[in-house]
């Protein structure tokens, strides 16, 4: 047995090297920060803290470097561990919470801090993300005197999102800023033009913004792909303008290109996918659902927007994406998934009515219209300030379900549209269908009364009055109809109203009808007609049945003669090489039938002797002529293999082309 090798003596531990001077560490820290080497800056800051624990400058450098390196959780941990330091890290904590999309907590932390320019700017960003646009605009206006760079971009974005796009131009004039000062500002102003329905002007400004952006980013030495990602919002907005202009094919092509190239930031990609689905509508539902699946969390079984998309989209945009998802599921008849998604939407959007409308749509699809009507009615009673769209939806559901009285009651609870002609016509039709004639007449009378006192231009009053008179005449209320016709005649001298008045009054008072009849102008060309003589004439004599039949036969004979004259005999055309004198045997009348269906078909008989095998299973019978037999078998097998190969080649050549793969199909996005 070999002897064990002797263990080498361990080297003596070297004395620990002294840390570098703190001045050198801060010099290295400053150099890493200037070079944007934030990971190295964090390491050096930790070295400083190991030498001088609790150093405020080192902690601040560490927190800022972690934020710059997108390590938000570590930055929060560093802030929490520095509670013994006198420096106030509230602003940095609020910013970290903002980056984590914990907006309410971030706003609460900022509320405990003094109002400074950075804190006010961060507060405006948080309010914008929360959808509180008016408060965001107020803070931006208060910061105008501070001359903060790019503040006008945030101000214009807040005005547009707050529905105050009309104030954008006045704001630019007040701060003396041109729309083309930056491509971001040009983009925001183009959005305000879209809100004002100035689509052509918006298209021109978006093209200008794209040109300015390309020039600016090229000067900053950005790569082509990075430039395309930065300008993706402009490309999506241009496609949206084309969609609004009715150029759906061009818009769909632009959306498809953006989605397929995948060179866009997360919000722009999500908007492109959504808009493409809106352009397609109910077509290609499976493809649209697959495109929406690209926007959800990869590890989630349910449809939930990815965190990067959820943080950067506005609440309205997220609500639209979820609503389109539910509608696609309804079109695809995937009721379980639609029901599951609709159940979580009220928690995600508690202040909006869209989740309730989607729940009603699911119930209607399940043939539960009565339950949908009840749910919508209860919500309208609890939240009257949000009841308008709910009541309109309830009226639509009830009308489609054959409940006209419920539909009419729902419409009647929306006071600001009662006088509109479309609402009046709908209410009258619903009440008439429900058998409430007096209620329908009351709706017409109320509308006439409103339009009489309204100081507006147009013929709405005459239109509603004429329809009311026709309705009352149709339902046996001649006196009220005559009164309405008389008002129309006195107000504008309408000929149609005069004719209706004469027709109505003639039922009760002929003399009054004749008096009104004199106001009708005589028709041109009827002055020389003697009406009395015309009435005394016997008129045209009817033709009896026999003569009528003879006349019909004569007409038919004349038509047949004309047809026979028009016919012309033509020589028959024979195939090339065919002799009509010697036509040969007639063709087989069954030549178009498959061989198995012809009367002359005889199936081939199988050789039963070849199937006879003697001996146990698997036994091999050897004959005397074994070499010849093997040669024969090999030839036979070769011929069979050749036949198989040739048949396989035929089958492959006749195989239809495969459909394109999923990756090669064009993909498309509202």
Foldseek 3Di string as FASTA:
>chain_A
DDDDDDDDDDDDDDPDDDDDDLVVLVVVLVVCVVVLVLVVNLVSLVVSCVVPPLDPVSLVSNLVSCVSVVVLVVSLVSVVVNPVHPDDCLQSNLVSCLVVVVLVVSLVSLVVDDDDPSSLLVNLVSCVQVLVLVVSLVSLVVCLVVPDPPSLLSNLQSCVSVVNLVCNVVVCVVSVHDCVPALSSLLSNLSSCVSVVVLVVSLVSLVSSLVRLVVVVVVVVDDPLLSCQVSLVSLLVNLVSCVVVVVLVVSFVSQLVCQLVVSYFLQSVAFFLAANCVSQDQPPLVQSLVSQQVQADPPDPARDGDPRNVSPDHPVSVLSSLLSNLVSCVSVVVLVNSVVSLVCVCVVPVPDCSSLLSVCVSCVSVVNLVVNLVSLVVVCVVCVVRNPVSLCSSLVSCVVVVNLVSNLVSLVVPPVCLLPPVSLVSNLVSCVVVVNLVVNLVSLVVNLVVVVPDPDDDCSNVVSLQVSLVSCVVVPNLVVSLVSLVVVCVPPNDPVSLVSNLVSCCVPDNVVSVVSVVVDDDDPPCPPDDPVVVVPDPPDDDDDDVVVVVVVVVVVVVVVVVVVVPDDDDDDDDDPPADPVPRDDDDDPCPPPPLVPDPPRDDDDDDPVVVDDDDDPPDDDADPPNVVVVVVVVVVVVVVVVVVVVVVVVVVVPDDDDDDDPSPDRRTHD
